[in-house]
């Protein structure tokens, strides 16, 4: 059976470029695409949208107007956009760190992964 034929799209290419640039800053991200948009999921409350021309993400809240504030950056500069997103990521991590339970879950997920790929169980 053949895998589905994935068509190259500018928004997916730009989102992948942003994910690679974020990795250079030590930030991991997941890329999802479809319906003419791609999403780069970075952290709770930090999803970067991409249409192939622009990246945009939630940058804050305007209390007076009761509205979300968005930042945007041209998709032709993924490394500069990644730097801005990495600053937002660091800010969100400082304000909303992972709970102990979720942090511990990450260790367990890694151990389960090791057990699934290795014939020798690490414990």
Protein backbone atom coordinates (compact mmCIF):
# COMPACT_ATOMS: atom_id res chain seq x y z
CA UNK A 1 0.00 0.00 0.00
CA UNK A 2 1.35 3.42 -0.97
CA UNK A 3 1.52 6.23 1.60
CA UNK A 4 -0.79 9.16 0.90
CA UNK A 5 0.61 11.63 -1.60
CA UNK A 6 1.49 14.72 0.49
CA UNK A 7 1.44 17.82 -1.64
CA UNK A 8 4.13 20.43 -0.98
CA UNK A 9 2.51 23.56 0.37
CA UNK A 10 4.17 26.90 1.17
CA UNK A 11 2.56 27.04 4.62
CA UNK A 12 3.89 23.59 5.56
CA UNK A 13 7.35 24.46 4.25
CA UNK A 14 7.37 27.71 6.26
CA UNK A 15 6.12 25.94 9.41
CA UNK A 16 8.80 23.26 9.08
CA UNK A 17 11.44 25.98 8.63
CA UNK A 18 10.21 27.67 11.81
CA UNK A 19 10.33 24.38 13.74
CA UNK A 20 13.93 23.82 12.62
CA UNK A 21 14.86 27.39 13.59
CA UNK A 22 13.16 26.94 16.98
CA UNK A 23 15.18 23.76 17.56
CA UNK A 24 18.34 25.84 17.09
CA UNK A 25 17.12 27.86 20.11
CA UNK A 26 16.50 24.69 22.12
CA UNK A 27 12.72 24.85 21.66
CA UNK A 28 10.91 21.73 20.48
CA UNK A 29 7.72 22.07 18.47
CA UNK A 30 5.19 19.99 16.56
CA UNK A 31 3.96 20.95 13.08
CA UNK A 32 0.41 20.26 11.91
CA UNK A 33 -1.03 21.28 8.56
CA UNK A 34 -4.21 21.26 6.55
CA UNK A 35 -6.89 23.46 5.02
CA UNK A 36 -4.38 26.07 3.83
CA UNK A 37 -2.81 26.71 7.25
CA UNK A 38 -0.04 25.13 9.27
CA UNK A 39 0.28 25.25 13.05
CA UNK A 40 3.49 25.07 15.03
CA UNK A 41 2.61 23.95 18.55
CA UNK A 42 5.26 25.17 20.98
CA UNK A 43 3.84 25.40 24.53
CA UNK A 44 0.55 25.72 26.34
CA UNK A 45 -0.86 28.98 25.01
CA UNK A 46 1.76 29.31 22.28
CA UNK A 47 0.70 28.11 18.86
CA UNK A 48 2.18 29.78 15.80
CA UNK A 49 -0.13 29.94 12.77
CA UNK A 50 1.32 30.10 9.26
CA UNK A 51 -0.30 30.73 5.88
CA UNK A 52 2.94 30.62 3.89
CA UNK A 53 3.37 34.40 3.93
CA UNK A 54 3.11 35.22 7.64
CA UNK A 55 3.62 33.67 11.06
CA UNK A 56 1.37 34.92 13.84
CA UNK A 57 0.92 33.97 17.49
CA UNK A 58 -0.78 35.16 20.64
CA UNK A 59 1.48 37.70 22.33
CA UNK A 60 -0.64 38.86 25.25
CA UNK A 61 -3.92 40.30 26.44
CA UNK A 62 -5.27 43.86 26.27
CA UNK A 63 -7.18 44.34 29.53
CA UNK A 64 -8.75 47.61 28.46
CA UNK A 65 -10.21 46.24 25.23
CA UNK A 66 -10.65 42.68 26.51
CA UNK A 67 -8.89 41.30 23.45
CA UNK A 68 -6.02 39.03 22.57
CA UNK A 69 -2.91 40.72 21.18
CA UNK A 70 -1.11 39.00 18.32
CA UNK A 71 2.44 39.29 17.05
CA UNK A 72 3.29 38.52 13.45
CA UNK A 73 6.40 38.07 11.38
CA UNK A 74 7.07 37.47 7.66
CA UNK A 75 7.47 33.78 6.83
CA UNK A 76 10.51 34.55 4.67
CA UNK A 77 12.50 35.07 7.91
CA UNK A 78 11.99 31.89 9.96
CA UNK A 79 15.16 32.36 12.02
CA UNK A 80 14.17 35.86 13.16
CA UNK A 81 10.60 34.72 13.82
CA UNK A 82 11.98 31.79 15.83
CA UNK A 83 13.98 34.17 17.99
CA UNK A 84 10.83 36.16 18.80
CA UNK A 85 8.82 32.99 19.46
CA UNK A 86 11.64 31.65 21.67
CA UNK A 87 11.44 34.83 23.80
CA UNK A 88 7.67 34.36 24.16
CA UNK A 89 8.23 30.69 25.00
CA UNK A 90 10.71 31.59 27.76
CA UNK A 91 8.26 34.15 29.14
CA UNK A 92 5.41 31.62 29.21
CA UNK A 93 7.62 28.96 30.82
CA UNK A 94 8.56 31.43 33.56
CA UNK A 95 4.92 32.34 34.18
CA UNK A 96 3.46 28.82 33.75
CA UNK A 97 6.03 26.10 34.50
CA UNK A 98 5.16 22.43 34.19
CA UNK A 99 3.60 20.88 37.26
CA UNK A 100 5.58 18.16 39.03
CA UNK A 101 3.12 15.52 37.86
CA UNK A 102 3.55 16.44 34.19
CA UNK A 103 7.33 16.75 34.56
CA UNK A 104 7.43 13.26 36.12
CA UNK A 105 5.18 11.93 33.36
CA UNK A 106 7.84 12.93 30.85
CA UNK A 107 10.35 10.64 32.60
CA UNK A 108 7.87 7.76 32.58
CA UNK A 109 7.10 8.29 28.90
CA UNK A 110 10.82 8.07 28.15
CA UNK A 111 11.14 4.84 30.13
CA UNK A 112 8.13 3.34 28.36
CA UNK A 113 9.66 4.32 25.02
CA UNK A 114 12.97 2.65 26.00
CA UNK A 115 11.12 -0.51 26.98
CA UNK A 116 9.31 -0.57 23.62
CA UNK A 117 12.47 -0.29 21.50
CA UNK A 118 14.93 -2.24 23.64
CA UNK A 119 14.79 -5.95 24.50
CA UNK A 120 16.37 -5.14 27.88
CA UNK A 121 14.11 -3.26 30.28
CA UNK A 122 16.09 -0.43 31.98
CA UNK A 123 14.74 -1.12 35.49
